[in-house]
Protein backbone atom coordinates (compact mmCIF):
# COMPACT_ATOMS: atom_id res chain seq x y z
CA MET A 1 0.47 0.13 -0.20
CA SER A 2 1.00 3.55 -1.22
CA PRO A 3 1.43 6.41 1.79
CA GLY A 4 -1.82 7.91 0.19
CA GLU A 5 -3.98 5.10 0.87
CA TRP A 6 -2.42 4.66 4.59
CA ALA A 7 -3.59 8.32 4.79
CA GLY A 8 -6.86 7.71 3.53
CA LEU A 9 -7.50 4.34 5.65
CA VAL A 10 -6.54 6.73 9.06
CA ALA A 11 -8.41 9.12 8.12
CA ALA A 12 -11.38 7.03 7.49
CA LEU A 13 -10.72 5.39 10.50
CA ALA A 14 -11.11 8.70 12.37
CA LEU A 15 -14.36 9.38 10.97
CA LEU A 16 -15.51 6.39 12.31
CA LEU A 17 -14.28 6.77 15.73
CA LEU A 18 -15.47 10.65 15.18
CA VAL A 19 -19.42 9.46 14.48
CA GLY A 20 -19.06 6.71 17.03
CA LEU A 21 -18.48 8.97 19.91
CA LEU A 22 -20.77 11.73 18.34
CA ALA A 23 -23.73 9.04 18.46
CA VAL A 24 -23.62 8.79 22.34
CA PRO A 25 -24.91 12.01 23.04
CA LEU A 26 -26.83 12.56 20.29
CA LEU A 27 -28.95 9.09 21.48
CA LYS A 28 -29.30 10.70 25.30
CA LEU A 29 -30.32 14.10 23.65
CA GLY A 30 -33.16 12.38 21.89
CA ARG A 31 -34.07 10.89 24.50
CA THR A 32 -34.18 13.74 27.07
CA LEU A 33 -36.56 15.38 23.95
CA ASP A 34 -38.82 12.27 24.17
CA GLU A 35 -38.55 12.62 28.27
CA ALA A 36 -39.18 16.59 27.87
CA THR A 37 -42.28 15.81 25.42
CA LEU A 38 -43.95 13.59 27.22
CA ALA A 39 -43.20 15.78 30.35
CA ILE A 40 -44.99 18.70 28.22
CA ARG A 41 -47.98 15.76 27.58
CA GLU A 42 -48.40 15.13 31.33
CA ALA A 43 -48.74 19.32 31.93
CA ARG A 44 -50.80 19.59 29.72
CA GLU A 45 -53.21 16.84 30.78
CA GLN A 46 -53.29 17.98 34.29
CA ALA A 47 -53.94 21.69 33.97
CA ALA A 48 -56.49 20.92 31.53
CA SER A 49 -57.81 18.12 33.78
CA GLY A 50 -57.73 21.35 36.78
CA PHE A 51 -59.39 23.51 34.86
CA ARG A 52 -62.39 21.13 34.03
CA SER A 53 -62.69 19.92 37.52
CA ALA A 54 -62.13 23.96 38.79
CA PRO A 55 -65.57 25.41 39.84
CA PRO A 56 -66.91 28.48 37.89
CA ALA A 57 -65.87 31.76 39.45
CA VAL A 58 -69.03 33.40 39.19
CA PRO A 59 -71.98 30.57 39.18
CA SER A 60 -74.65 33.16 37.43
CA GLY A 61 -74.81 36.22 36.53
CA ARG A 62 -78.26 36.65 38.29
CA GLY A 63 -78.00 34.84 41.61
CA VAL A 64 -75.18 37.98 42.92
CA PRO A 65 -77.30 40.85 43.20
CA GLU A 66 -80.16 39.26 45.13
CA ARG A 67 -77.07 38.10 47.48
CA VAL A 68 -76.32 41.69 47.51
CA ASP A 69 -79.40 42.61 48.55
CA ASP A 70 -79.97 39.93 51.32
CA THR A 71 -76.51 41.24 52.51
CA ARG A 72 -77.37 44.71 52.68
CA ASP A 73 -80.73 44.45 54.62
CA GLU A 74 -78.67 42.16 57.31
CA VAL A 75 -75.95 45.37 58.07
CA PRO A 76 -77.04 47.80 60.07
CA GLY A 77 -77.15 51.08 58.16
CA ALA A 78 -76.45 49.57 55.16
CA ALA A 79 -79.38 51.49 53.55
CA THR A 80 -78.67 55.01 55.20
CA GLY A 81 -74.96 54.31 53.93
CA SER A 82 -73.38 54.92 57.88
CA ALA A 83 -72.48 51.15 58.71
CA PRO A 84 -69.68 50.89 60.56
CA SER A 85 -66.18 50.79 59.54
CA THR A 86 -64.29 47.43 60.83
CA GLY A 87 -61.35 48.25 58.46
CA SER A 88 -62.39 45.27 56.24
CA ALA A 89 -65.16 44.87 54.08
CA PRO A 90 -67.00 41.51 53.58
CA ALA A 91 -66.92 39.57 51.28
CA THR A 92 -70.00 39.69 49.59
CA GLY A 93 -71.13 37.52 46.80
CA SER A 94 -67.62 35.60 46.63
CA VAL A 95 -67.27 31.91 46.06
CA PRO A 96 -65.16 30.01 48.50
CA ALA A 97 -61.87 28.85 46.23
CA THR A 98 -61.37 25.26 46.46
CA ARG A 99 -58.55 23.87 45.67
CA THR A 100 -57.38 19.51 44.73
CA ALA A 101 -54.47 18.05 45.59
CA PRO A 102 -52.14 16.80 43.02
CA SER A 103 -52.88 12.59 42.57
CA PRO A 104 -50.38 10.77 44.16
CA GLY A 105 -47.42 10.33 41.74
CA THR A 106 -47.75 13.91 39.87
CA ALA A 107 -45.65 16.91 40.19
CA PRO A 108 -47.30 20.32 41.41
CA SER A 109 -47.67 22.02 38.01
CA ALA A 110 -45.83 25.26 40.66
CA GLY A 111 -42.33 23.84 40.76
CA PHE A 112 -42.46 21.31 37.28
CA GLU A 113 -39.55 23.56 36.04
CA ALA A 114 -36.95 22.69 38.62
CA PRO A 115 -37.72 18.86 37.84
CA GLN A 116 -37.25 19.07 34.10
CA THR A 117 -34.28 21.50 34.47
CA SER A 118 -32.24 18.70 36.22
CA VAL A 119 -33.35 15.90 34.48
CA VAL A 120 -32.03 17.97 31.65
CA ALA A 121 -28.75 19.13 32.92
CA ALA A 122 -28.15 15.32 34.68
CA THR A 123 -28.91 13.84 30.96
CA VAL A 124 -27.07 16.46 29.25
CA GLY A 125 -24.69 18.08 31.44
CA GLY A 126 -22.15 15.41 31.42
CA SER A 127 -22.21 14.83 27.93
CA LEU A 128 -21.62 18.45 26.69
CA ILE A 129 -18.70 19.11 29.47
CA LYS A 130 -17.38 15.85 27.84
CA VAL A 131 -17.21 17.70 24.50
CA ALA A 132 -16.25 20.68 25.83
CA ALA A 133 -13.15 19.40 27.31
CA TYR A 134 -12.38 17.62 24.02
CA GLY A 135 -12.92 20.83 22.06
CA HIS A 136 -10.19 22.34 24.44
CA GLY A 137 -7.88 19.75 24.23
CA LEU A 138 -8.31 19.95 20.37
CA ARG A 139 -7.47 23.35 20.12
CA ALA A 140 -4.49 23.28 22.94
CA ALA A 141 -2.90 20.18 21.02
CA THR A 142 -3.27 22.25 17.68
CA ARG A 143 -1.82 25.46 19.24
CA ARG A 144 1.27 23.80 20.85
CA ARG A 145 1.64 21.63 17.32
CA LEU A 146 1.35 25.43 15.47
CA ALA A 147 3.53 26.60 17.57
CA GLU A 148 6.18 23.94 17.65
CA ARG A 149 6.00 24.13 13.81
CA ALA A 150 6.59 27.81 13.86
CA LEU A 151 9.47 27.42 15.89
CA ALA A 152 11.40 25.31 13.52
CA GLU A 153 10.31 26.79 10.77
CA ALA A 154 12.00 29.85 12.29
CA ALA A 155 15.09 27.62 13.39
CA ARG A 156 14.96 26.37 10.15
CA SER A 157 15.11 29.73 8.48
CA ASP A 158 17.70 30.83 10.83
CA ARG A 159 20.30 27.84 9.92
CA GLU A 160 20.01 28.93 6.12
CA LEU A 161 20.45 32.39 6.99
CA ARG A 162 23.64 31.97 8.76
CA ARG A 163 24.52 29.45 6.28
CA ALA A 164 24.30 32.31 3.36
CA LEU A 165 26.01 34.87 5.37
CA ARG A 166 28.87 32.38 5.82
CA THR A 167 29.29 31.24 2.14
CA ALA A 168 29.30 35.00 1.42
CA ARG A 169 31.87 36.02 3.90
CA GLN A 170 33.98 33.20 2.36
CA GLY A 171 33.38 34.03 -0.81
CA ALA A 172 34.59 37.37 -0.10
CA ARG A 173 37.52 36.27 1.57
CA GLY A 174 38.95 34.30 -1.00
CA THR A 175 38.44 37.04 -3.50
CA VAL A 176 40.58 39.36 -1.76
């Protein structure tokens, strides 16, 4: 085999190794995206079921004025506008809010972002650090190799210049 064929074989093997190394983070990223999709779907379903099961804020538009009239009649001096001040207004016409606890095994919607973030960080974080470290090492090695080549080239150029000067001096001495 010629040196060119050997170089092509080495390049093909290096490419195969690179593809193999990049396949692992890509597969992990795919799993992360699948899990994120499932988490978003579950959150959407929980939110939709929560909205369906929540009582309406105002049960009917006609019932509120009757309650206000009844409450006004019960408060002394309300008809004349001289009601005693207690510092807070009575909650007339309000419907008590009911809260349902999350089902067992489900996360509450308020704290949903933190677990999703930690799942992404745990799955992708290690691979990203490895890729960043590999890239840093590759850049450092390339920079070092280029510096060595530049230094070797400068030394070779310096030697050639010294030879040329020596030859010129020897030629000048021989003709004098």
